[in-house]
Protein backbone atom coordinates (compact mmCIF):
# COMPACT_ATOMS: atom_id res chain seq x y z
CA MET A 1 -8.84 -13.09 -14.48
CA ILE A 2 -12.55 -13.91 -13.82
CA TRP A 3 -11.72 -14.12 -9.98
CA SER A 4 -10.55 -10.72 -9.89
CA PHE A 5 -12.91 -9.32 -11.84
CA ILE A 6 -15.59 -11.02 -9.15
CA ILE A 7 -13.31 -9.60 -6.35
CA MET A 8 -13.64 -6.22 -7.94
CA VAL A 9 -17.59 -6.66 -7.86
CA ASN A 10 -18.16 -7.79 -4.59
CA TRP A 11 -15.61 -5.30 -3.08
CA ARG A 12 -17.42 -2.64 -3.94
CA LYS A 13 -20.96 -3.95 -2.75
CA ARG A 14 -19.12 -4.31 0.53
CA GLN A 15 -17.93 -1.33 0.59
CA ASN A 16 -21.20 0.27 0.12
CA PHE A 17 -22.80 -1.83 3.08
CA LEU A 18 -19.70 -0.83 5.51
CA ALA A 19 -20.50 3.14 4.73
CA HIS A 20 -24.20 2.53 4.48
CA ARG A 21 -24.05 0.85 7.98
CA TRP A 22 -21.39 3.27 9.66
CA GLY A 23 -23.22 6.57 8.31
CA SER A 24 -20.93 7.28 5.70
CA SER A 25 -22.56 6.59 1.95
CA ASN A 26 -23.21 10.10 0.86
CA TYR A 27 -20.24 11.71 2.91
CA ARG A 28 -17.74 15.03 0.98
CA GLU A 29 -15.00 15.49 3.29
CA VAL A 30 -14.31 19.21 3.38
CA GLU A 31 -11.10 19.53 3.87
CA THR A 32 -9.36 22.30 5.44
CA THR A 33 -5.58 23.26 4.37
CA ARG A 34 -2.58 21.61 5.58
CA PRO A 35 -0.63 23.20 8.56
CA GLN A 36 2.51 22.63 6.19
CA TYR A 37 0.92 24.36 3.04
CA HIS A 38 3.33 27.63 1.85
CA GLY A 39 2.19 29.85 -0.35
CA LEU A 40 1.22 33.93 -0.81
CA TYR A 41 -2.00 35.41 0.69
CA LYS A 42 -4.78 36.27 -2.18
CA LYS A 43 -7.81 37.31 -1.78
CA CYS A 44 -10.91 34.66 -2.82
CA GLU A 45 -13.67 36.29 -5.47
CA ILE A 46 -15.54 33.95 -4.40
CA THR A 47 -16.23 33.92 -0.83
CA GLU A 48 -14.02 37.51 -0.42
CA GLU A 49 -11.79 35.87 2.27
CA TRP A 50 -7.82 35.94 2.38
CA ILE A 51 -6.58 32.56 1.32
CA VAL A 52 -2.97 31.23 0.92
CA HIS A 53 -2.10 30.91 -2.94
CA TYR A 54 0.01 28.83 -4.73
CA PRO A 55 1.07 29.86 -8.69
CA SER A 56 0.04 26.45 -10.59
CA TRP A 57 3.89 26.88 -12.72
CA LYS A 58 5.63 26.88 -9.50
CA ARG A 59 4.05 23.12 -8.87
CA CYS A 60 4.71 22.09 -12.47
CA LEU A 61 8.15 23.64 -12.14
CA LYS A 62 8.80 20.96 -8.93
CA TYR A 63 7.16 18.10 -10.73
CA SER A 64 10.40 19.19 -13.50
CA ILE A 65 12.65 17.95 -10.36
CA SER A 66 10.87 15.49 -8.71
CA LEU A 67 9.92 13.04 -11.21
CA PRO A 68 12.84 12.31 -13.11
CA LEU A 69 14.22 12.18 -9.85
CA ILE A 70 11.55 8.90 -9.18
CA VAL A 71 12.50 7.75 -12.31
CA THR A 72 16.48 7.71 -11.76
CA LEU A 73 16.17 6.10 -8.37
CA THR A 74 13.68 3.26 -10.22
CA CYS A 75 15.80 2.94 -13.02
CA LEU A 76 18.77 2.29 -10.59
CA SER A 77 17.04 -0.21 -8.19
CA LEU A 78 16.20 -2.34 -11.11
CA ILE A 79 19.77 -2.22 -12.53
CA GLY A 80 20.75 -2.97 -9.83
CA ILE A 81 17.80 -6.15 -8.98
CA LEU A 82 18.77 -7.19 -12.70
CA ILE A 83 22.42 -7.53 -12.23
CA PHE A 84 21.85 -9.79 -9.53
CA TYR A 85 19.68 -12.06 -11.17
CA ALA A 86 22.00 -12.39 -14.30
CA ASN A 87 24.47 -13.00 -12.09
CA ARG A 88 23.41 -15.29 -10.07
CA ASP A 89 22.86 -17.17 -13.58
CA LEU A 90 26.45 -17.03 -14.83
CA ILE A 91 26.32 -19.41 -11.09
CA LEU A 92 23.68 -21.78 -12.53
CA ALA A 93 25.42 -22.26 -15.85
CA SER A 94 28.95 -23.14 -14.01
CA TYR A 95 27.48 -25.22 -11.98
CA PHE A 96 25.83 -26.61 -15.45
CA SER A 97 29.38 -26.67 -17.28
CA THR A 98 31.15 -29.88 -17.25
CA THR A 99 34.53 -28.10 -18.02
CA GLU A 100 34.79 -24.72 -16.40
CA ARG A 101 33.57 -24.76 -12.74
CA LYS A 102 35.35 -21.45 -12.55
CA ILE A 103 32.68 -18.75 -11.99
CA LYS A 104 32.79 -15.88 -13.75
CA LEU A 105 31.17 -12.94 -12.30
CA ASN A 106 30.08 -9.73 -14.45
CA TRP A 107 28.80 -6.39 -11.81
CA SER A 108 28.71 -4.55 -15.36
CA LEU A 109 25.21 -3.52 -17.05
CA SER A 110 26.43 -5.56 -20.02
CA VAL A 111 25.18 -8.93 -18.75
CA ILE A 112 21.67 -7.62 -18.97
CA LYS A 113 21.58 -8.00 -22.63
CA GLU A 114 23.71 -11.29 -22.20
CA LYS A 115 22.17 -14.60 -23.60
CA ASN A 116 23.06 -16.81 -21.10
CA PRO A 117 23.49 -21.07 -21.59
CA VAL A 118 20.93 -21.90 -18.95
CA ASP A 119 17.62 -21.12 -20.80
CA GLU A 120 18.84 -23.99 -22.87
CA ILE A 121 19.84 -26.53 -19.97
CA SER A 122 17.54 -29.01 -18.98
CA VAL A 123 16.89 -29.12 -15.66
CA THR A 124 16.86 -33.02 -14.56
CA LYS A 125 15.63 -34.68 -11.57
CA GLU A 126 19.10 -34.93 -9.92
CA HIS A 127 19.51 -31.26 -10.41
CA ILE A 128 15.96 -30.84 -8.37
CA ASN A 129 17.33 -33.49 -5.83
CA ASP A 130 20.72 -31.86 -5.20
CA PRO A 131 20.80 -29.49 -2.39
CA LYS A 132 23.61 -27.07 -3.58
CA PHE A 133 20.68 -26.52 -6.96
CA TRP A 134 18.88 -24.69 -4.47
CA TYR A 135 21.36 -23.06 -2.69
CA ILE A 136 22.59 -21.63 -6.36
CA ILE A 137 18.87 -20.73 -7.56
CA MET A 138 17.58 -19.37 -4.29
CA GLY A 139 20.81 -17.76 -2.72
CA LEU A 140 20.86 -14.28 -4.63
CA PRO A 141 16.61 -14.37 -4.55
CA ALA A 142 17.19 -14.40 -0.86
CA VAL A 143 19.89 -11.59 -0.43
CA ILE A 144 17.33 -9.35 -2.55
CA GLY A 145 14.37 -10.18 -0.60
CA PHE A 146 16.38 -9.07 2.51
CA VAL A 147 17.53 -5.66 0.69
CA LEU A 148 14.06 -4.70 -0.85
CA PRO A 149 12.17 -4.25 2.18
CA ILE A 150 15.30 -1.60 3.06
CA LEU A 151 15.26 -0.23 -0.33
CA SER A 152 11.47 0.27 -0.64
CA ALA A 153 11.83 2.18 3.25
CA PHE A 154 14.34 4.75 1.70
CA LEU A 155 12.53 5.33 -1.19
CA LEU A 156 9.26 5.79 0.98
CA ARG A 157 11.35 8.49 2.50
CA ILE A 158 12.09 9.70 -0.51
CA SER A 159 8.65 10.01 -1.75
CA ILE A 160 7.26 11.57 1.32
CA LYS A 161 10.57 14.68 0.90
CA LEU A 162 9.60 15.23 -2.21
CA ASN A 163 5.47 14.96 -1.50
CA ASP A 164 6.64 17.91 0.86
CA PHE A 165 8.88 19.67 -1.88
CA GLU A 166 5.91 19.74 -4.32
CA ASN A 167 3.32 21.55 -1.56
CA TYR A 168 -0.37 20.21 -1.47
CA ARG A 169 -3.12 22.09 -0.28
CA THR A 170 -5.34 18.94 0.91
CA GLU A 171 -4.60 15.83 2.96
CA THR A 172 -6.67 13.92 -0.21
CA GLN A 173 -4.24 15.64 -2.74
CA TYR A 174 -0.75 14.91 -0.88
CA GLY A 175 -1.98 11.34 0.20
CA ASN A 176 -2.79 10.31 -3.49
CA ALA A 177 0.51 11.82 -4.60
CA LEU A 178 2.08 9.63 -2.02
CA ILE A 179 0.54 6.59 -3.12
CA ILE A 180 1.21 7.25 -6.64
CA LYS A 181 5.22 7.22 -5.87
CA VAL A 182 5.36 4.41 -3.73
CA PHE A 183 3.09 2.11 -5.49
CA ALA A 184 4.55 3.14 -8.63
CA LEU A 185 8.66 2.05 -7.24
CA ARG A 186 7.49 -0.69 -5.28
CA PHE A 187 5.81 -2.41 -8.24
CA VAL A 188 8.68 -1.75 -10.52
CA SER A 189 10.59 -3.40 -8.02
CA TYR A 190 9.03 -6.26 -6.82
CA PHE A 191 7.59 -6.84 -10.62
CA VAL A 192 9.24 -6.06 -13.12
CA PRO A 193 12.49 -9.03 -12.53
CA LEU A 194 9.48 -11.61 -12.52
CA PHE A 195 8.25 -9.89 -15.87
CA TYR A 196 12.04 -9.94 -16.93
CA TYR A 197 12.22 -13.64 -16.29
CA ALA A 198 8.78 -14.70 -17.16
CA TYR A 199 8.73 -13.31 -20.99
CA ILE A 200 12.36 -14.87 -21.38
CA ALA A 201 10.23 -18.24 -21.70
CA THR A 202 9.25 -17.99 -24.43
CA GLY A 203 9.19 -19.44 -27.96
CA ILE A 204 8.72 -22.82 -29.67
CA ASP A 205 11.64 -24.59 -26.88
CA GLN A 206 9.86 -26.64 -24.20
CA THR A 207 13.46 -26.63 -22.28
CA ILE A 208 13.62 -22.34 -22.47
CA VAL A 209 9.96 -21.85 -21.15
CA GLU A 210 10.25 -24.45 -18.25
CA ASN A 211 13.57 -22.97 -17.12
CA GLY A 212 12.23 -19.32 -17.26
CA ILE A 213 9.00 -20.58 -15.27
CA LEU A 214 11.15 -22.20 -12.87
CA ARG A 215 13.03 -19.18 -12.12
CA VAL A 216 9.73 -17.18 -11.87
CA SER A 217 8.66 -19.66 -9.13
CA VAL A 218 11.77 -19.33 -7.27
CA CYS A 219 11.51 -15.26 -6.98
CA LEU A 220 8.02 -15.52 -6.34
CA PHE A 221 8.12 -17.71 -3.55
CA VAL A 222 11.32 -15.77 -1.94
CA TYR A 223 9.54 -12.95 -2.08
CA LEU A 224 5.97 -14.40 -0.84
CA THR A 225 7.81 -15.98 2.09
CA ILE A 226 11.60 -14.67 3.39
CA SER A 227 11.09 -10.90 1.75
CA HIS A 228 7.22 -10.46 3.04
CA TRP A 229 8.43 -12.30 6.78
CA TRP A 230 11.66 -10.09 6.70
CA THR A 231 9.00 -6.54 6.23
CA ILE A 232 6.57 -7.74 9.12
CA ILE A 233 9.48 -7.96 11.35
CA LEU A 234 10.52 -4.48 10.37
CA GLY A 235 7.71 -3.08 10.00
CA ILE A 236 6.25 -4.09 13.72
CA GLN A 237 9.41 -5.77 15.62
CA PHE A 238 12.12 -3.88 14.74
CA PRO A 239 9.99 -0.77 16.26
CA LEU A 240 9.30 -2.06 19.20
CA ALA A 241 13.05 -2.81 19.87
CA LEU A 242 13.54 0.55 19.09
CA HIS A 243 10.73 1.64 21.07
CA LYS A 244 12.08 -0.85 24.38
CA TRP A 245 15.73 0.45 23.81
CA ARG A 246 14.19 4.17 24.04
CA LEU A 247 12.28 3.64 26.99
CA LYS A 248 15.25 1.58 28.86
CA ARG A 249 17.15 4.72 27.74
CA GLU A 250 14.94 7.06 29.54
CA LYS A 251 14.66 5.12 32.45
CA ILE A 252 18.25 5.41 32.98
CA LYS A 253 18.38 9.33 33.04
CA ILE A 254 15.23 9.41 35.33
CA LYS A 255 16.86 6.99 37.52
CA SER A 256 20.32 9.70 37.39
CA ARG A 257 18.28 12.56 38.16
CA LEU A 258 16.42 10.95 40.76
CA LYS A 259 19.92 10.22 42.41
CA LYS A 260 21.26 14.17 42.08
CA LEU A 261 18.09 15.50 43.22
CA ALA A 262 18.14 13.39 46.02
CA LYS A 263 22.05 14.51 46.92
CA LYS A 264 21.03 17.96 46.37
CA HIS A 265 17.98 17.49 48.34
CA PHE A 266 20.64 15.72 51.04
CA GLU A 267 22.64 19.31 51.45
CA TYR A 268 19.79 21.01 51.64
CA ARG A 269 18.82 19.32 54.11
CA LEU A 270 22.40 20.19 55.91
CA LYS A 271 22.35 24.09 55.19
CA LYS A 272 18.87 24.29 56.67
CA THR A 273 19.79 27.31 59.01
CA ASP A 274 19.87 29.67 55.80
CA MET A 275 16.63 31.19 55.24
CA ASN A 276 17.80 33.18 52.41
CA TYR A 277 19.34 29.79 50.90
CA ASN A 278 16.01 27.78 52.33
CA GLN A 279 13.50 29.80 50.28
CA ASN A 280 15.42 29.71 47.22
CA ILE A 281 16.03 26.08 46.51
CA GLU A 282 12.74 24.53 47.86
CA LYS A 283 10.50 25.55 45.27
CA ASP A 284 13.04 24.35 42.59
CA LEU A 285 13.85 20.88 44.10
CA MET A 286 9.74 20.92 44.80
CA ASN A 287 9.28 21.47 40.76
CA GLN A 288 11.63 19.04 39.89
CA HIS A 289 10.57 16.23 41.79
CA ILE A 290 6.97 16.71 40.62
CA LEU A 291 8.52 16.47 36.71
CA LEU A 292 10.04 13.48 37.52
CA GLU A 293 7.01 11.82 38.79
CA HIS A 294 5.34 12.86 35.56
CA ALA A 295 8.20 11.63 33.64
CA GLN A 296 6.91 7.66 35.04
CA ASN A 297 3.58 8.17 33.51
CA LYS A 298 2.51 5.74 31.23
CA ILE A 299 1.09 7.74 29.05
CA TRP A 300 4.52 9.14 28.33
CA GLU A 301 5.42 5.57 27.05
CA GLU A 302 2.11 5.41 24.38
CA LEU A 303 3.69 9.48 22.72
CA MET A 304 6.81 7.49 22.55
CA LEU A 305 5.61 4.83 19.90
CA PRO A 306 6.00 5.93 16.03
CA SER A 307 2.57 7.06 15.26
CA TYR A 308 0.45 4.64 12.83
CA ASP A 309 0.15 5.13 9.27
CA PRO A 310 -2.16 2.80 7.03
CA LEU A 311 -0.14 3.22 3.70
CA PHE A 312 2.01 0.32 4.42
CA ASP A 313 -0.65 -1.98 5.25
CA TYR A 314 -2.52 -0.95 1.73
CA VAL A 315 0.87 -1.20 -0.01
CA GLN A 316 1.63 -4.74 1.23
CA ALA A 317 -2.10 -5.68 0.57
CA ALA A 318 -1.95 -4.37 -2.71
CA VAL A 319 1.10 -5.69 -3.57
CA GLN A 320 -0.26 -9.43 -2.47
CA PHE A 321 -3.23 -8.99 -5.12
CA ALA A 322 -1.13 -8.46 -7.74
CA TYR A 323 1.26 -11.17 -7.59
CA VAL A 324 -2.33 -14.29 -6.89
CA VAL A 325 -3.67 -12.01 -10.15
CA CYS A 326 -0.68 -11.62 -12.60
CA PHE A 327 1.58 -14.85 -11.79
CA SER A 328 -0.87 -17.45 -10.75
CA ALA A 329 -0.93 -19.41 -13.80
CA VAL A 330 2.70 -19.72 -13.31
CA PHE A 331 3.03 -20.31 -9.85
CA PRO A 332 -0.22 -22.15 -8.75
CA LEU A 333 1.10 -22.15 -5.27
CA THR A 334 0.41 -18.61 -4.76
CA PRO A 335 -2.57 -17.89 -3.39
CA LEU A 336 -2.22 -20.80 -0.63
CA LEU A 337 0.53 -18.43 0.37
CA VAL A 338 -0.83 -15.02 0.44
CA LEU A 339 -4.17 -16.23 1.77
CA PHE A 340 -1.48 -17.40 4.73
CA ASN A 341 0.64 -14.55 5.07
CA GLN A 342 -3.09 -12.38 4.81
CA LEU A 343 -4.15 -14.49 8.10
CA ILE A 344 -1.05 -13.86 9.81
CA ASN A 345 -0.83 -10.10 8.60
CA MET A 346 -4.60 -9.52 10.26
CA ARG A 347 -3.53 -10.51 13.83
CA LEU A 348 -0.18 -8.62 13.18
CA ASN A 349 -1.21 -5.42 12.30
CA ALA A 350 -4.10 -5.50 15.08
CA PHE A 351 -0.92 -5.88 17.29
CA LYS A 352 0.28 -3.63 15.58
CA ILE A 353 -2.40 -0.69 15.83
CA CYS A 354 -3.01 -1.96 19.83
CA ARG A 355 0.72 -1.86 21.10
CA GLY A 356 3.02 -0.94 19.08
CA ARG A 357 1.44 2.00 17.50
CA ARG A 358 0.18 5.56 18.64
CA ARG A 359 -3.64 5.30 18.86
CA PRO A 360 -5.12 6.46 15.34
CA LEU A 361 -7.50 9.66 14.70
CA ALA A 362 -10.72 8.04 12.96
CA GLN A 363 -11.05 9.35 9.98
CA LYS A 364 -14.54 9.36 8.57
CA THR A 365 -14.71 8.08 4.75
CA GLY A 366 -16.71 7.03 2.54
CA GLY A 367 -14.75 4.51 0.86
CA ILE A 368 -10.86 3.58 0.51
CA GLY A 369 -10.02 6.18 -2.57
CA VAL A 370 -7.34 5.98 -5.29
CA TRP A 371 -6.69 2.21 -4.31
CA GLU A 372 -9.88 1.35 -6.28
CA HIS A 373 -8.45 2.45 -9.10
CA VAL A 374 -5.01 1.00 -8.07
CA LEU A 375 -6.34 -2.50 -8.05
CA HIS A 376 -8.78 -1.72 -10.88
CA ILE A 377 -5.54 -1.15 -12.73
CA LEU A 378 -3.79 -4.05 -11.73
CA THR A 379 -6.80 -6.38 -13.17
CA VAL A 380 -6.02 -4.70 -16.56
CA ILE A 381 -2.44 -5.57 -16.30
CA ALA A 382 -2.93 -9.13 -14.83
CA VAL A 383 -5.13 -9.37 -18.01
CA LEU A 384 -2.44 -8.07 -19.95
CA SER A 385 -0.12 -10.30 -18.17
CA ASN A 386 -1.52 -13.00 -18.27
CA CYS A 387 -3.10 -13.44 -22.09
CA SER A 388 0.59 -12.31 -23.08
CA LEU A 389 2.35 -15.23 -20.78
CA MET A 390 -0.13 -17.56 -22.09
CA ALA A 391 0.18 -17.37 -25.62
CA LEU A 392 3.92 -17.10 -25.62
CA THR A 393 4.50 -20.29 -23.55
CA SER A 394 1.45 -22.59 -24.18
CA SER A 395 1.78 -25.11 -26.35
CA GLN A 396 -1.83 -24.82 -26.86
CA PHE A 397 -1.68 -21.24 -28.72
CA HIS A 398 2.29 -22.97 -30.52
CA VAL A 399 -0.52 -24.54 -32.78
CA VAL A 400 -1.94 -21.37 -34.15
CA LEU A 401 1.72 -20.07 -34.43
CA ASN A 402 2.32 -22.92 -36.93
CA HIS A 403 -0.42 -22.38 -38.74
CA PHE A 404 -1.28 -18.63 -39.34
CA GLY A 405 2.54 -17.23 -38.21
CA ASN A 406 3.38 -14.39 -36.29
CA LEU A 407 0.24 -12.57 -37.09
CA GLY A 408 -2.81 -15.05 -36.09
CA LEU A 409 -1.14 -15.06 -32.75
CA PHE A 410 -0.57 -11.37 -32.65
CA PHE A 411 -4.51 -11.23 -33.03
CA THR A 412 -5.59 -14.27 -31.38
CA VAL A 413 -4.15 -12.57 -27.84
CA ILE A 414 -5.18 -9.45 -29.07
CA GLY A 415 -8.99 -10.79 -29.77
CA TRP A 416 -8.73 -13.12 -26.07
CA GLU A 417 -7.30 -9.55 -24.23
CA HIS A 418 -10.54 -7.53 -25.32
CA CYS A 419 -12.90 -10.36 -24.40
CA MET A 420 -11.68 -10.61 -21.30
CA LEU A 421 -11.39 -6.31 -20.79
CA LEU A 422 -15.21 -6.29 -22.52
CA ILE A 423 -15.95 -8.94 -19.04
CA LYS A 424 -14.54 -6.54 -17.00
CA TYR A 425 -16.32 -3.62 -18.34
CA LEU A 426 -19.72 -5.30 -18.50
CA MET A 427 -19.48 -7.23 -15.23
CA GLN A 428 -18.87 -3.54 -13.69
CA ILE A 429 -21.78 -2.12 -14.86
CA PHE A 430 -24.55 -4.28 -14.63
CA CYS A 431 -23.58 -5.57 -11.16
CA SER A 432 -25.07 -4.21 -8.96
CA LYS A 433 -23.08 -1.29 -7.05
CA LYS A 434 -24.93 -1.67 -3.58
CA HIS A 435 -25.63 -4.70 -1.60
CA PRO A 436 -29.40 -6.01 -1.21
CA TYR A 437 -29.53 -4.94 2.57
CA VAL A 438 -28.29 -1.80 1.68
CA ILE A 439 -31.07 -1.06 -0.83
CA LYS A 440 -33.82 -2.60 0.95
CA SER A 441 -33.21 -0.12 3.34
CA LEU A 442 -32.71 2.88 1.04
CA LYS A 443 -36.23 1.88 0.11
CA LYS A 444 -37.79 1.33 3.65
CA ARG A 445 -36.10 4.78 4.62
CA ARG A 446 -37.32 6.77 1.48
CA TYR A 447 -41.09 5.03 2.30
CA HIS A 448 -41.13 6.43 5.64
CA LEU A 449 -39.74 9.65 4.26
CA ASN A 450 -42.62 9.99 1.96
CA ARG A 451 -44.91 8.40 4.36
CA GLN A 452 -44.02 11.56 6.70
CA ARG A 453 -44.22 13.81 4.32
CA ASN A 454 -47.98 13.16 2.83
CA LEU A 455 -48.99 12.83 6.95
CA SER A 456 -47.68 16.73 7.31
CA MET A 457 -49.78 17.53 4.07
CA MET A 458 -52.67 15.68 5.40
CA VAL A 459 -52.53 17.71 8.82
CA LYS A 460 -52.11 21.43 6.92
CA LYS A 461 -54.75 20.44 4.88
CA GLU A 462 -57.01 19.69 7.70
CA ARG A 463 -55.22 22.62 9.77
CA ARG A 464 -56.62 25.39 6.82
CA SER A 465 -60.30 23.45 6.13
CA SER A 466 -60.61 23.67 10.18
CA ARG A 467 -59.78 27.29 10.11
CA TYR A 468 -61.94 28.61 6.82
CA PRO A 469 -64.98 26.23 6.76
CA TYR A 470 -66.98 28.80 4.56
CA SER A 471 -64.22 28.05 1.28
CA GLN A 472 -65.01 24.72 1.90
CA ASN A 473 -68.54 24.59 1.31
CA HIS A 474 -68.68 26.62 -1.15
CA GLY A 475 -65.42 26.98 -3.40
CA CYS A 476 -64.08 30.71 -1.97
CA GLN A 477 -61.11 31.64 -1.41
CA PRO A 478 -60.87 34.05 2.38
CA PHE A 479 -60.06 37.39 1.48
């Protein structure tokens, strides 16, 4: 938790340093209206210019449509994921059972509420050394790991459609609304199953705690490996393969058009005696030949590449950060796996921008915008989850439970949580927002500006004294 606070403070300094070095520290973008923004023309009372006006009550009506739809889709995807995991537990129950080996799957909603007998079964070394045990415990999470990126891409399409439907005026408003929708859907899809199993690992019984932690660790390992790498393949390799297929198809079309053009050119030479025919056809053949030559240019191949959208990379980085701050206590290998993934992502994202996407347009900005607020929210969620998980699963907190009861444990957790949030708040206030180099550079710049201002005032004073020497000697003001 303290590591996440230090990360946010250091990132704020790093962000201000980069903004200062790139000349965008106090940049305030005067945004224009999006071309997709529609409404009625209305004369502005301040500027007296005609502007596009969209009533706020219409957008509120659209919110009443888009918000329930987003909530419904999120709940459906979440219920489906939980049903998958509950059936994985039924398969594990049949594996541990000595009497009944028949697998009974239940795809109804009631399977989520059922108390699973797996929670009370102790995992031994024989189970850990058995490959079948790992096939069962990792099989369905691996399937979900393959499905989740596709589900996220589907939900992203719906979020974009709903964002267009809500009709935002500026790109900042549009981007912030899209980020909230996409990250909320991604967070629920990826993290609620982990919290579901983490809070199953509660109570005094050590067997229940170990089983819950084992299942959370397996899910995290699948999400950090199979699901993440499959997402990279879908985001980089699949668009490149689709682009190559489109290029190959276009080249085949150009070759067929060239063959037809050569055939027409041959027929044109055979009928060269008819002057009227020659004058009408020659210009058309020349135009077609020029167009086909331009169609083979490399620029058209680059234009066929998809456009670059940094939203996908931001979401990935935020999800990986959330894995570290929320579940490192449950699965201690999480930071190492995330570090490996991010080192690979740095090079793959560079390759994607240079070779797999159209050249992005540079946009001047002073920071990462709403993503900084998202990261702060994740640190607060990390405090709540870590404090509650440690209280419900750690044997040290069971001493408090035995002596003071549930109420004493509750106030202990609340006190610890408030102490951590107070530390975060104090670090945000007292730690400097600016890098020492930025502070030194600003002081140096302020010094030079003051010096230049004083020099200019001294020069004006000298000019005035040379112009009116009598007033300087006798203290009289000139007429």
